[in-house]
């Protein structure tokens, strides 16, 4: 993150020792460490939230793609349903027409009656 090497840290520690003094330096180091830990924790939380948002956005995109892929399937199912409805209507119409035709009085030649019981 901040590309600080050993010598930079040594100079900062020496300046802090001169400015703060040897008595208060441990407390200052403790407080600085505490704040640094809090900052890292906050940064990690922000990164986690960003990752969650990105994953949620990716999931939304995947769902949209799947919906687009399902549309042709839904159309096929709808067309098949319409075809079956039309076929059923035509079959019912044909049955009604056959029922309305006058019978000639001749016995029907149904082969199921010829089978022994």
PDB file of N, CA and C in Angstrom:
ATOM      1  N   UNK A   1       0.830  -1.191   0.000  1.00  0.00           N
ATOM      2  CA  UNK A   1       0.000   0.000   0.000  1.00  0.00           C
ATOM      3  C   UNK A   1       0.871   1.251   0.000  1.00  0.00           C
ATOM      4  N   UNK A   2       1.676   1.467   1.033  1.00  0.00           N
ATOM      5  CA  UNK A   2       2.484   2.676   1.137  1.00  0.00           C
ATOM      6  C   UNK A   2       3.954   2.419   0.893  1.00  0.00           C
ATOM      7  N   UNK A   3       4.419   1.421   0.423  1.00  0.00           N
ATOM      8  CA  UNK A   3       5.808   1.128   0.077  1.00  0.00           C
ATOM      9  C   UNK A   3       6.815   1.855   0.987  1.00  0.00           C
ATOM     10  N   UNK A   4       6.708   1.608   2.290  1.00  0.00           N
ATOM     11  CA  UNK A   4       7.633   2.187   3.265  1.00  0.00           C
ATOM     12  C   UNK A   4       8.625   1.101   3.662  1.00  0.00           C
ATOM     13  N   UNK A   5       9.906   1.409   3.546  1.00  0.00           N
ATOM     14  CA  UNK A   5      10.943   0.441   3.875  1.00  0.00           C
ATOM     15  C   UNK A   5      11.426   0.570   5.304  1.00  0.00           C
ATOM     16  N   UNK A   6      12.463  -0.224   5.620  1.00  0.00           N
ATOM     17  CA  UNK A   6      13.011  -0.243   6.978  1.00  0.00           C
ATOM     18  C   UNK A   6      13.592   1.108   7.368  1.00  0.00           C
ATOM     19  N   UNK A   7      14.346   1.724   6.465  1.00  0.00           N
ATOM     20  CA  UNK A   7      15.016   2.982   6.819  1.00  0.00           C
ATOM     21  C   UNK A   7      14.020   4.114   7.045  1.00  0.00           C
ATOM     22  N   UNK A   8      12.934   4.125   6.265  1.00  0.00           N
ATOM     23  CA  UNK A   8      11.908   5.151   6.484  1.00  0.00           C
ATOM     24  C   UNK A   8      11.274   4.980   7.863  1.00  0.00           C
ATOM     25  N   UNK A   9      10.984   3.722   8.227  1.00  0.00           N
ATOM     26  CA  UNK A   9      10.409   3.463   9.554  1.00  0.00           C
ATOM     27  C   UNK A   9      11.381   3.839  10.667  1.00  0.00           C
ATOM     28  N   UNK A  10      12.674   3.575  10.461  1.00  0.00           N
ATOM     29  CA  UNK A  10      13.677   3.916  11.471  1.00  0.00           C
ATOM     30  C   UNK A  10      13.742   5.425  11.669  1.00  0.00           C
ATOM     31  N   UNK A  11      13.689   6.187  10.593  1.00  0.00           N
ATOM     32  CA  UNK A  11      13.729   7.657  10.689  1.00  0.00           C
ATOM     33  C   UNK A  11      12.482   8.169  11.399  1.00  0.00           C
ATOM     34  N   UNK A  12      11.303   7.620  11.067  1.00  0.00           N
ATOM     35  CA  UNK A  12      10.061   8.036  11.724  1.00  0.00           C
ATOM     36  C   UNK A  12      10.133   7.734  13.216  1.00  0.00           C
ATOM     37  N   UNK A  13      10.641   6.543  13.586  1.00  0.00           N
ATOM     38  CA  UNK A  13      10.765   6.169  15.001  1.00  0.00           C
ATOM     39  C   UNK A  13      11.727   7.099  15.727  1.00  0.00           C
ATOM     40  N   UNK A  14      12.848   7.471  15.095  1.00  0.00           N
ATOM     41  CA  UNK A  14      13.824   8.367  15.717  1.00  0.00           C
ATOM     42  C   UNK A  14      13.235   9.751  15.937  1.00  0.00           C
ATOM     43  N   UNK A  15      12.509  10.275  14.938  1.00  0.00           N
ATOM     44  CA  UNK A  15      11.875  11.587  15.077  1.00  0.00           C
ATOM     45  C   UNK A  15      10.818  11.542  16.179  1.00  0.00           C
ATOM     46  N   UNK A  16      10.020  10.453  16.214  1.00  0.00           N
ATOM     47  CA  UNK A  16       8.998  10.324  17.258  1.00  0.00           C
ATOM     48  C   UNK A  16       9.644  10.256  18.631  1.00  0.00           C
ATOM     49  N   UNK A  17      10.764   9.556  18.743  1.00  0.00           N
ATOM     50  CA  UNK A  17      11.472   9.460  20.029  1.00  0.00           C
ATOM     51  C   UNK A  17      11.954  10.835  20.488  1.00  0.00           C
ATOM     52  N   UNK A  18      12.478  11.631  19.556  1.00  0.00           N
ATOM     53  CA  UNK A  18      12.959  12.964  19.897  1.00  0.00           C
ATOM     54  C   UNK A  18      11.810  13.913  20.243  1.00  0.00           C
ATOM     55  N   UNK A  19      10.701  13.830  19.492  1.00  0.00           N
ATOM     56  CA  UNK A  19       9.598  14.769  19.699  1.00  0.00           C
ATOM     57  C   UNK A  19       8.780  14.393  20.933  1.00  0.00           C
ATOM     58  N   UNK A  20       8.412  13.134  21.073  1.00  0.00           N
ATOM     59  CA  UNK A  20       7.525  12.711  22.149  1.00  0.00           C
ATOM     60  C   UNK A  20       8.292  12.421  23.429  1.00  0.00           C
ATOM     61  N   UNK A  21       9.426  11.819  23.294  1.00  0.00           N
ATOM     62  CA  UNK A  21      10.211  11.462  24.484  1.00  0.00           C
ATOM     63  C   UNK A  21      10.071   9.976  24.775  1.00  0.00           C
ATOM     64  N   UNK A  22      11.050   9.440  25.507  1.00  0.00           N
ATOM     65  CA  UNK A  22      11.049   7.992  25.767  1.00  0.00           C
ATOM     66  C   UNK A  22       9.944   7.532  26.716  1.00  0.00           C
ATOM     67  N   UNK A  23       9.401   8.443  27.539  1.00  0.00           N
ATOM     68  CA  UNK A  23       8.368   8.030  28.487  1.00  0.00           C
ATOM     69  C   UNK A  23       7.025   7.795  27.797  1.00  0.00           C
ATOM     70  N   UNK A  24       6.681   8.652  26.867  1.00  0.00           N
ATOM     71  CA  UNK A  24       5.370   8.570  26.235  1.00  0.00           C
ATOM     72  C   UNK A  24       5.395   7.804  24.912  1.00  0.00           C
ATOM     73  N   UNK A  25       6.531   7.395  24.432  1.00  0.00           N
ATOM     74  CA  UNK A  25       6.636   6.702  23.143  1.00  0.00           C
ATOM     75  C   UNK A  25       5.894   5.364  23.135  1.00  0.00           C
ATOM     76  N   UNK A  26       5.982   4.521  24.170  1.00  0.00           N
ATOM     77  CA  UNK A  26       5.228   3.256  24.132  1.00  0.00           C
ATOM     78  C   UNK A  26       3.718   3.464  24.040  1.00  0.00           C
ATOM     79  N   UNK A  27       3.204   4.462  24.783  1.00  0.00           N
ATOM     80  CA  UNK A  27       1.768   4.740  24.721  1.00  0.00           C
ATOM     81  C   UNK A  27       1.387   5.248  23.332  1.00  0.00           C
ATOM     82  N   UNK A  28       2.221   6.092  22.752  1.00  0.00           N
ATOM     83  CA  UNK A  28       1.980   6.604  21.405  1.00  0.00           C
ATOM     84  C   UNK A  28       1.990   5.459  20.384  1.00  0.00           C
ATOM     85  N   UNK A  29       2.961   4.543  20.521  1.00  0.00           N
ATOM     86  CA  UNK A  29       3.041   3.407  19.606  1.00  0.00           C
ATOM     87  C   UNK A  29       1.802   2.526  19.747  1.00  0.00           C
ATOM     88  N   UNK A  30       1.341   2.315  20.993  1.00  0.00           N
ATOM     89  CA  UNK A  30       0.143   1.511  21.232  1.00  0.00           C
ATOM     90  C   UNK A  30      -1.078   2.154  20.578  1.00  0.00           C
ATOM     91  N   UNK A  31      -1.220   3.470  20.775  1.00  0.00           N
ATOM     92  CA  UNK A  31      -2.360   4.187  20.208  1.00  0.00           C
ATOM     93  C   UNK A  31      -2.306   4.179  18.686  1.00  0.00           C
ATOM     94  N   UNK A  32      -1.104   4.399  18.138  1.00  0.00           N
ATOM     95  CA  UNK A  32      -0.966   4.379  16.674  1.00  0.00           C
ATOM     96  C   UNK A  32      -1.300   2.991  16.121  1.00  0.00           C
ATOM     97  N   UNK A  33      -0.872   1.943  16.797  1.00  0.00           N
ATOM     98  CA  UNK A  33      -1.194   0.586  16.374  1.00  0.00           C
ATOM     99  C   UNK A  33      -2.682   0.295  16.432  1.00  0.00           C
ATOM    100  N   UNK A  34      -3.311   0.815  17.477  1.00  0.00           N
ATOM    101  CA  UNK A  34      -4.745   0.640  17.634  1.00  0.00           C
ATOM    102  C   UNK A  34      -5.499   1.303  16.476  1.00  0.00           C
ATOM    103  N   UNK A  35      -5.119   2.546  16.165  1.00  0.00           N
ATOM    104  CA  UNK A  35      -5.766   3.267  15.073  1.00  0.00           C
ATOM    105  C   UNK A  35      -5.482   2.603  13.726  1.00  0.00           C
ATOM    106  N   UNK A  36      -4.276   2.117  13.555  1.00  0.00           N
ATOM    107  CA  UNK A  36      -3.931   1.425  12.315  1.00  0.00           C
ATOM    108  C   UNK A  36      -4.772   0.153  12.165  1.00  0.00           C
ATOM    109  N   UNK A  37      -4.953  -0.578  13.268  1.00  0.00           N
ATOM    110  CA  UNK A  37      -5.800  -1.775  13.241  1.00  0.00           C
ATOM    111  C   UNK A  37      -7.239  -1.446  12.889  1.00  0.00           C
ATOM    112  N   UNK A  38      -7.758  -0.367  13.495  1.00  0.00           N
ATOM    113  CA  UNK A  38      -9.127   0.051  13.182  1.00  0.00           C
ATOM    114  C   UNK A  38      -9.261   0.438  11.713  1.00  0.00           C
ATOM    115  N   UNK A  39      -8.251   1.154  11.213  1.00  0.00           N
ATOM    116  CA  UNK A  39      -8.274   1.553   9.801  1.00  0.00           C
ATOM    117  C   UNK A  39      -8.259   0.344   8.876  1.00  0.00           C
ATOM    118  N   UNK A  40      -7.417  -0.639   9.196  1.00  0.00           N
ATOM    119  CA  UNK A  40      -7.364  -1.850   8.378  1.00  0.00           C
ATOM    120  C   UNK A  40      -8.687  -2.606   8.425  1.00  0.00           C
ATOM    121  N   UNK A  41      -9.267  -2.671   9.629  1.00  0.00           N
ATOM    122  CA  UNK A  41     -10.542  -3.368   9.787  1.00  0.00           C
ATOM    123  C   UNK A  41     -11.632  -2.670   8.954  1.00  0.00           C
ATOM    124  N   UNK A  42     -11.659  -1.340   9.009  1.00  0.00           N
ATOM    125  CA  UNK A  42     -12.641  -0.594   8.250  1.00  0.00           C
ATOM    126  C   UNK A  42     -12.425  -0.792   6.744  1.00  0.00           C
ATOM    127  N   UNK A  43     -11.167  -0.758   6.319  1.00  0.00           N
ATOM    128  CA  UNK A  43     -10.855  -0.978   4.905  1.00  0.00           C
ATOM    129  C   UNK A  43     -11.303  -2.363   4.464  1.00  0.00           C
ATOM    130  N   UNK A  44     -11.094  -3.378   5.294  1.00  0.00           N
ATOM    131  CA  UNK A  44     -11.502  -4.737   4.965  1.00  0.00           C
ATOM    132  C   UNK A  44     -13.019  -4.838   4.851  1.00  0.00           C
ATOM    133  N   UNK A  45     -13.733  -4.149   5.743  1.00  0.00           N
ATOM    134  CA  UNK A  45     -15.193  -4.150   5.678  1.00  0.00           C
ATOM    135  C   UNK A  45     -15.686  -3.506   4.386  1.00  0.00           C
ATOM    136  N   UNK A  46     -15.056  -2.411   3.996  1.00  0.00           N
ATOM    137  CA  UNK A  46     -15.445  -1.742   2.755  1.00  0.00           C
ATOM    138  C   UNK A  46     -15.179  -2.660   1.562  1.00  0.00           C
ATOM    139  N   UNK A  47     -14.018  -3.331   1.572  1.00  0.00           N
ATOM    140  CA  UNK A  47     -13.703  -4.260   0.491  1.00  0.00           C
ATOM    141  C   UNK A  47     -14.723  -5.395   0.431  1.00  0.00           C
ATOM    142  N   UNK A  48     -15.113  -5.917   1.591  1.00  0.00           N
ATOM    143  CA  UNK A  48     -16.097  -6.996   1.626  1.00  0.00           C
ATOM    144  C   UNK A  48     -17.447  -6.539   1.080  1.00  0.00           C
ATOM    145  N   UNK A  49     -17.859  -5.330   1.445  1.00  0.00           N
ATOM    146  CA  UNK A  49     -19.133  -4.799   0.939  1.00  0.00           C
ATOM    147  C   UNK A  49     -19.086  -4.610  -0.569  1.00  0.00           C
ATOM    148  N   UNK A  50     -17.971  -4.111  -1.065  1.00  0.00           N
ATOM    149  CA  UNK A  50     -17.828  -3.929  -2.513  1.00  0.00           C
ATOM    150  C   UNK A  50     -17.882  -5.278  -3.216  1.00  0.00           C
ATOM    151  N   UNK A  51     -17.211  -6.280  -2.654  1.00  0.00           N
ATOM    152  CA  UNK A  51     -17.248  -7.621  -3.239  1.00  0.00           C
ATOM    153  C   UNK A  51     -18.668  -8.177  -3.253  1.00  0.00           C
ATOM    154  N   UNK A  52     -19.407  -7.979  -2.163  1.00  0.00           N
ATOM    155  CA  UNK A  52     -20.789  -8.453  -2.100  1.00  0.00           C
ATOM    156  C   UNK A  52     -21.639  -7.782  -3.171  1.00  0.00           C
ATOM    157  N   UNK A  53     -21.458  -6.478  -3.327  1.00  0.00           N
ATOM    158  CA  UNK A  53     -22.223  -5.747  -4.332  1.00  0.00           C
ATOM    159  C   UNK A  53     -21.885  -6.228  -5.745  1.00  0.00           C
ATOM    160  N   UNK A  54     -20.609  -6.474  -5.984  1.00  0.00           N
ATOM    161  CA  UNK A  54     -20.197  -6.956  -7.304  1.00  0.00           C
ATOM    162  C   UNK A  54     -20.784  -8.336  -7.581  1.00  0.00           C
ATOM    163  N   UNK A  55     -20.760  -9.212  -6.566  1.00  0.00           N
ATOM    164  CA  UNK A  55     -21.341 -10.545  -6.736  1.00  0.00           C
ATOM    165  C   UNK A  55     -22.839 -10.451  -6.966  1.00  0.00           C
ATOM    166  N   UNK A  56     -23.508  -9.562  -6.242  1.00  0.00           N
ATOM    167  CA  UNK A  56     -24.948  -9.388  -6.425  1.00  0.00           C
ATOM    168  C   UNK A  56     -25.240  -8.896  -7.841  1.00  0.00           C
ATOM    169  N   UNK A  57     -24.427  -7.982  -8.335  1.00  0.00           N
ATOM    170  CA  UNK A  57     -24.618  -7.472  -9.696  1.00  0.00           C
ATOM    171  C   UNK A  57     -24.383  -8.580 -10.725  1.00  0.00           C
ATOM    172  N   UNK A  58     -23.368  -9.410 -10.489  1.00  0.00           N
ATOM    173  CA  UNK A  58     -23.104 -10.531 -11.394  1.00  0.00           C
ATOM    174  C   UNK A  58     -24.274 -11.501 -11.397  1.00  0.00           C
ATOM    175  N   UNK A  59     -24.844 -11.764 -10.217  1.00  0.00           N
ATOM    176  CA  UNK A  59     -25.996 -12.663 -10.140  1.00  0.00           C
ATOM    177  C   UNK A  59     -27.196 -12.083 -10.887  1.00  0.00           C
ATOM    178  N   UNK A  60     -27.393 -10.774 -10.770  1.00  0.00           N
ATOM    179  CA  UNK A  60     -28.488 -10.130 -11.506  1.00  0.00           C
ATOM    180  C   UNK A  60     -28.289 -10.291 -13.007  1.00  0.00           C
ATOM    181  N   UNK A  61     -27.050 -10.110 -13.473  1.00  0.00           N
ATOM    182  CA  UNK A  61     -26.767 -10.266 -14.896  1.00  0.00           C
ATOM    183  C   UNK A  61     -27.008 -11.703 -15.346  1.00  0.00           C
ATOM    184  N   UNK A  62     -26.608 -12.670 -14.520  1.00  0.00           N
ATOM    185  CA  UNK A  62     -26.820 -14.076 -14.859  1.00  0.00           C
ATOM    186  C   UNK A  62     -28.322 -14.372 -14.942  1.00  0.00           C
ATOM    187  N   UNK A  63     -29.090 -13.836 -13.996  1.00  0.00           N
ATOM    188  CA  UNK A  63     -30.537 -14.044 -14.027  1.00  0.00           C
ATOM    189  C   UNK A  63     -31.163 -13.436 -15.276  1.00  0.00           C
ATOM    190  N   UNK A  64     -30.708 -12.257 -15.655  1.00  0.00           N
ATOM    191  CA  UNK A  64     -31.225 -11.620 -16.865  1.00  0.00           C
ATOM    192  C   UNK A  64     -30.906 -12.463 -18.100  1.00  0.00           C
ATOM    193  N   UNK A  65     -29.683 -13.011 -18.176  1.00  0.00           N
ATOM    194  CA  UNK A  65     -29.305 -13.855 -19.295  1.00  0.00           C
ATOM    195  C   UNK A  65     -30.172 -15.107 -19.341  1.00  0.00           C
ATOM    196  N   UNK A  66     -30.439 -15.697 -18.180  1.00  0.00           N
ATOM    197  CA  UNK A  66     -31.267 -16.893 -18.139  1.00  0.00           C
ATOM    198  C   UNK A  66     -32.699 -16.579 -18.551  1.00  0.00           C
ATOM    199  N   UNK A  67     -33.198 -15.415 -18.159  1.00  0.00           N
ATOM    200  CA  UNK A  67     -34.542 -15.018 -18.591  1.00  0.00           C
ATOM    201  C   UNK A  67     -34.595 -14.874 -20.099  1.00  0.00           C
ATOM    202  N   UNK A  68     -33.545 -14.289 -20.683  1.00  0.00           N
ATOM    203  CA  UNK A  68     -33.488 -14.137 -22.132  1.00  0.00           C
ATOM    204  C   UNK A  68     -33.441 -15.498 -22.814  1.00  0.00           C
ATOM    205  N   UNK A  69     -32.749 -16.457 -22.207  1.00  0.00           N
ATOM    206  CA  UNK A  69     -32.672 -17.789 -22.788  1.00  0.00           C
ATOM    207  C   UNK A  69     -33.988 -18.537 -22.622  1.00  0.00           C
ATOM    208  N   UNK A  70     -34.753 -18.239 -21.582  1.00  0.00           N
ATOM    209  CA  UNK A  70     -36.023 -18.908 -21.355  1.00  0.00           C
ATOM    210  C   UNK A  70     -37.128 -18.391 -22.272  1.00  0.00           C
ATOM    211  N   UNK A  71     -37.010 -17.171 -22.755  1.00  0.00           N
ATOM    212  CA  UNK A  71     -38.045 -16.609 -23.619  1.00  0.00           C
ATOM    213  C   UNK A  71     -38.307 -17.478 -24.847  1.00  0.00           C
ATOM    214  N   UNK A  72     -37.288 -17.930 -25.590  1.00  0.00           N
ATOM    215  CA  UNK A  72     -37.586 -18.803 -26.728  1.00  0.00           C
ATOM    216  C   UNK A  72     -38.253 -20.112 -26.287  1.00  0.00           C
ATOM    217  N   UNK A  73     -37.853 -20.651 -25.150  1.00  0.00           N
ATOM    218  CA  UNK A  73     -38.483 -21.878 -24.662  1.00  0.00           C
ATOM    219  C   UNK A  73     -39.946 -21.634 -24.317  1.00  0.00           C
ATOM    220  N   UNK A  74     -40.232 -20.501 -23.701  1.00  0.00           N
ATOM    221  CA  UNK A  74     -41.618 -20.170 -23.378  1.00  0.00           C
ATOM    222  C   UNK A  74     -42.439 -20.014 -24.650  1.00  0.00           C
ATOM    223  N   UNK A  75     -41.841 -19.417 -25.675  1.00  0.00           N
ATOM    224  CA  UNK A  75     -42.539 -19.263 -26.947  1.00  0.00           C
ATOM    225  C   UNK A  75     -42.835 -20.625 -27.561  1.00  0.00           C
ATOM    226  N   UNK A  76     -41.871 -21.544 -27.490  1.00  0.00           N
ATOM    227  CA  UNK A  76     -42.075 -22.887 -28.035  1.00  0.00           C
ATOM    228  C   UNK A  76     -43.200 -23.598 -27.290  1.00  0.00           C
ATOM    229  N   UNK A  77     -43.195 -23.472 -25.955  1.00  0.00           N
ATOM    230  CA  UNK A  77     -44.249 -24.098 -25.157  1.00  0.00           C
ATOM    231  C   UNK A  77     -45.606 -23.488 -25.511  1.00  0.00           C
ATOM    232  N   UNK A  78     -45.664 -22.189 -25.667  1.00  0.00           N
ATOM    233  CA  UNK A  78     -46.917 -21.515 -26.017  1.00  0.00           C
ATOM    234  C   UNK A  78     -47.396 -21.953 -27.392  1.00  0.00           C
ATOM    235  N   UNK A  79     -46.486 -22.030 -28.366  1.00  0.00           N
ATOM    236  CA  UNK A  79     -46.863 -22.476 -29.705  1.00  0.00           C
ATOM    237  C   UNK A  79     -47.378 -23.908 -29.671  1.00  0.00           C
ATOM    238  N   UNK A  80     -46.722 -24.764 -28.898  1.00  0.00           N
ATOM    239  CA  UNK A  80     -47.154 -26.152 -28.782  1.00  0.00           C
ATOM    240  C   UNK A  80     -48.529 -26.227 -28.138  1.00  0.00           C
ATOM    241  N   UNK A  81     -48.763 -25.422 -27.118  1.00  0.00           N
ATOM    242  CA  UNK A  81     -50.071 -25.390 -26.459  1.00  0.00           C
ATOM    243  C   UNK A  81     -51.150 -24.948 -27.436  1.00  0.00           C
ATOM    244  N   UNK A  82     -50.862 -23.908 -28.216  1.00  0.00           N
ATOM    245  CA  UNK A  82     -51.827 -23.426 -29.205  1.00  0.00           C
ATOM    246  C   UNK A  82     -52.119 -24.500 -30.247  1.00  0.00           C
ATOM    247  N   UNK A  83     -51.078 -25.190 -30.689  1.00  0.00           N
ATOM    248  CA  UNK A  83     -51.258 -26.249 -31.678  1.00  0.00           C
ATOM    249  C   UNK A  83     -52.125 -27.359 -31.105  1.00  0.00           C
ATOM    250  N   UNK A  84     -51.867 -27.729 -29.852  1.00  0.00           N
ATOM    251  CA  UNK A  84     -52.679 -28.773 -29.218  1.00  0.00           C
ATOM    252  C   UNK A  84     -54.127 -28.317 -29.041  1.00  0.00           C
ATOM    253  N   UNK A  85     -54.337 -27.054 -28.686  1.00  0.00           N
ATOM    254  CA  UNK A  85     -55.696 -26.540 -28.568  1.00  0.00           C
ATOM    255  C   UNK A  85     -56.407 -26.593 -29.913  1.00  0.00           C
ATOM    256  N   UNK A  86     -55.711 -26.156 -30.963  1.00  0.00           N
ATOM    257  CA  UNK A  86     -56.299 -26.198 -32.304  1.00  0.00           C
ATOM    258  C   UNK A  86     -56.626 -27.628 -32.713  1.00  0.00           C
ATOM    259  N   UNK A  87     -55.713 -28.538 -32.434  1.00  0.00           N
ATOM    260  CA  UNK A  87     -55.924 -29.940 -32.775  1.00  0.00           C
ATOM    261  C   UNK A  87     -57.130 -30.504 -32.022  1.00  0.00           C
ATOM    262  N   UNK A  88     -57.241 -30.159 -30.736  1.00  0.00           N
ATOM    263  CA  UNK A  88     -58.368 -30.629 -29.922  1.00  0.00           C
ATOM    264  C   UNK A  88     -59.677 -30.071 -30.457  1.00  0.00           C
ATOM    265  N   UNK A  89     -59.680 -28.805 -30.831  1.00  0.00           N
ATOM    266  CA  UNK A  89     -60.888 -28.197 -31.383  1.00  0.00           C
ATOM    267  C   UNK A  89     -61.283 -28.864 -32.699  1.00  0.00           C
ATOM    268  N   UNK A  90     -60.302 -29.129 -33.551  1.00  0.00           N
ATOM    269  CA  UNK A  90     -60.589 -29.801 -34.827  1.00  0.00           C
ATOM    270  C   UNK A  90     -61.118 -31.210 -34.586  1.00  0.00           C
ATOM    271  N   UNK A  91     -60.529 -31.905 -33.616  1.00  0.00           N
ATOM    272  CA  UNK A  91     -60.987 -33.262 -33.315  1.00  0.00           C
ATOM    273  C   UNK A  91     -62.409 -33.235 -32.771  1.00  0.00           C
ATOM    274  N   UNK A  92     -62.708 -32.316 -31.874  1.00  0.00           N
ATOM    275  CA  UNK A  92     -64.066 -32.192 -31.335  1.00  0.00           C
ATOM    276  C   UNK A  92     -65.060 -31.845 -32.440  1.00  0.00           C
ATOM    277  N   UNK A  93     -64.654 -30.981 -33.332  1.00  0.00           N
ATOM    278  CA  UNK A  93     -65.514 -30.585 -34.457  1.00  0.00           C
ATOM    279  C   UNK A  93     -65.801 -31.791 -35.346  1.00  0.00           C
ATOM    280  N   UNK A  94     -64.768 -32.581 -35.618  1.00  0.00           N
ATOM    281  CA  UNK A  94     -64.953 -33.774 -36.456  1.00  0.00           C
ATOM    282  C   UNK A  94     -65.873 -34.773 -35.772  1.00  0.00           C
ATOM    283  N   UNK A  95     -65.717 -34.955 -34.453  1.00  0.00           N
ATOM    284  CA  UNK A  95     -66.577 -35.882 -33.715  1.00  0.00           C
ATOM    285  C   UNK A  95     -68.015 -35.397 -33.758  1.00  0.00           C
ATOM    286  N   UNK A  96     -68.251 -34.118 -33.568  1.00  0.00           N
ATOM    287  CA  UNK A  96     -69.613 -33.583 -33.634  1.00  0.00           C
ATOM    288  C   UNK A  96     -70.220 -33.771 -35.010  1.00  0.00           C
ATOM    289  N   UNK A  97     -69.427 -33.556 -36.049  1.00  0.00           N
ATOM    290  CA  UNK A  97     -69.932 -33.744 -37.414  1.00  0.00           C
ATOM    291  C   UNK A  97     -70.297 -35.198 -37.657  1.00  0.00           C
ATOM    292  N   UNK A  98     -69.489 -36.121 -37.146  1.00  0.00           N
ATOM    293  CA  UNK A  98     -69.782 -37.540 -37.318  1.00  0.00           C
ATOM    294  C   UNK A  98     -71.032 -37.927 -36.537  1.00  0.00           C
ATOM    295  N   UNK A  99     -71.218 -37.332 -35.363  1.00  0.00           N
ATOM    296  CA  UNK A  99     -72.407 -37.633 -34.569  1.00  0.00           C
ATOM    297  C   UNK A  99     -73.663 -37.100 -35.231  1.00  0.00           C
ATOM    298  N   UNK A 100     -73.573 -36.032 -35.976  1.00  0.00           N
ATOM    299  CA  UNK A 100     -74.727 -35.414 -36.605  1.00  0.00           C
ATOM    300  C   UNK A 100     -75.104 -36.091 -37.922  1.00  0.00           C
ATOM    301  N   UNK A 101     -74.230 -36.875 -38.485  1.00  0.00           N
ATOM    302  CA  UNK A 101     -74.548 -37.565 -39.731  1.00  0.00           C
ATOM    303  C   UNK A 101     -75.624 -38.612 -39.464  1.00  0.00           C
ATOM    304  N   UNK A 102     -76.576 -38.704 -40.375  1.00  0.00           N
ATOM    305  CA  UNK A 102     -77.641 -39.705 -40.166  1.00  0.00           C
ATOM    306  C   UNK A 102     -77.086 -41.121 -40.325  1.00  0.00           C
ATOM    307  N   UNK A 103     -77.588 -42.028 -39.503  1.00  0.00           N
ATOM    308  CA  UNK A 103     -77.147 -43.411 -39.599  1.00  0.00           C
ATOM    309  C   UNK A 103     -77.999 -44.116 -40.641  1.00  0.00           C
ATOM    310  N   UNK A 104     -77.446 -45.038 -41.368  1.00  0.00           N
ATOM    311  CA  UNK A 104     -78.146 -45.729 -42.459  1.00  0.00           C
ATOM    312  C   UNK A 104     -78.850 -46.970 -41.982  1.00  0.00           C
ATOM    313  N   UNK A 105     -78.677 -47.338 -40.740  1.00  0.00           N
ATOM    314  CA  UNK A 105     -79.342 -48.506 -40.210  1.00  0.00           C
ATOM    315  C   UNK A 105     -78.512 -49.764 -40.363  1.00  0.00           C
ATOM    316  N   UNK A 106     -77.427 -49.707 -41.061  1.00  0.00           N
ATOM    317  CA  UNK A 106     -76.574 -50.870 -41.212  1.00  0.00           C
ATOM    318  C   UNK A 106     -75.740 -51.025 -39.958  1.00  0.00           C
ATOM    319  N   UNK A 107     -75.533 -52.249 -39.537  1.00  0.00           N
ATOM    320  CA  UNK A 107     -74.715 -52.432 -38.348  1.00  0.00           C
ATOM    321  C   UNK A 107     -73.271 -52.063 -38.649  1.00  0.00           C
ATOM    322  N   UNK A 108     -72.652 -51.475 -37.693  1.00  0.00           N
ATOM    323  CA  UNK A 108     -71.259 -51.102 -37.879  1.00  0.00           C
ATOM    324  C   UNK A 108     -70.404 -52.336 -37.791  1.00  0.00           C
ATOM    325  N   UNK A 109     -69.319 -52.322 -38.488  1.00  0.00           N
ATOM    326  CA  UNK A 109     -68.432 -53.471 -38.489  1.00  0.00           C
ATOM    327  C   UNK A 109     -67.310 -53.227 -37.497  1.00  0.00           C
ATOM    328  N   UNK A 110     -67.679 -53.354 -36.267  1.00  0.00           N
ATOM    329  CA  UNK A 110     -66.713 -53.160 -35.211  1.00  0.00           C
ATOM    330  C   UNK A 110     -66.074 -54.497 -34.909  1.00  0.00           C
ATOM    331  N   UNK A 111     -64.786 -54.594 -35.052  1.00  0.00           N
ATOM    332  CA  UNK A 111     -64.096 -55.872 -34.890  1.00  0.00           C
ATOM    333  C   UNK A 111     -63.994 -56.270 -33.419  1.00  0.00           C
ATOM    334  N   UNK A 112     -64.226 -55.378 -32.523  1.00  0.00           N
ATOM    335  CA  UNK A 112     -64.127 -55.730 -31.116  1.00  0.00           C
ATOM    336  C   UNK A 112     -65.247 -56.686 -30.724  1.00  0.00           C
ATOM    337  N   UNK A 113     -66.380 -56.679 -31.463  1.00  0.00           N
ATOM    338  CA  UNK A 113     -67.491 -57.589 -31.156  1.00  0.00           C
ATOM    339  C   UNK A 113     -67.167 -59.003 -31.621  1.00  0.00           C
ATOM    340  N   UNK A 114     -66.263 -59.166 -32.567  1.00  0.00           N
ATOM    341  CA  UNK A 114     -65.927 -60.481 -33.109  1.00  0.00           C
ATOM    342  C   UNK A 114     -65.035 -61.298 -32.196  1.00  0.00           C
ATOM    343  N   UNK A 115     -64.428 -60.684 -31.229  1.00  0.00           N
ATOM    344  CA  UNK A 115     -63.518 -61.416 -30.347  1.00  0.00           C
ATOM    345  C   UNK A 115     -64.322 -62.245 -29.355  1.00  0.00           C
ATOM    346  N   UNK A 116     -63.873 -63.449 -29.075  1.00  0.00           N
ATOM    347  CA  UNK A 116     -64.614 -64.293 -28.122  1.00  0.00           C
ATOM    348  C   UNK A 116     -64.482 -63.745 -26.706  1.00  0.00           C
ATOM    349  N   UNK A 117     -65.544 -63.936 -25.958  1.00  0.00           N
ATOM    350  CA  UNK A 117     -65.588 -63.417 -24.592  1.00  0.00           C
ATOM    351  C   UNK A 117     -65.346 -64.487 -23.589  1.00  0.00           C
TER     352      UNK A 117
END
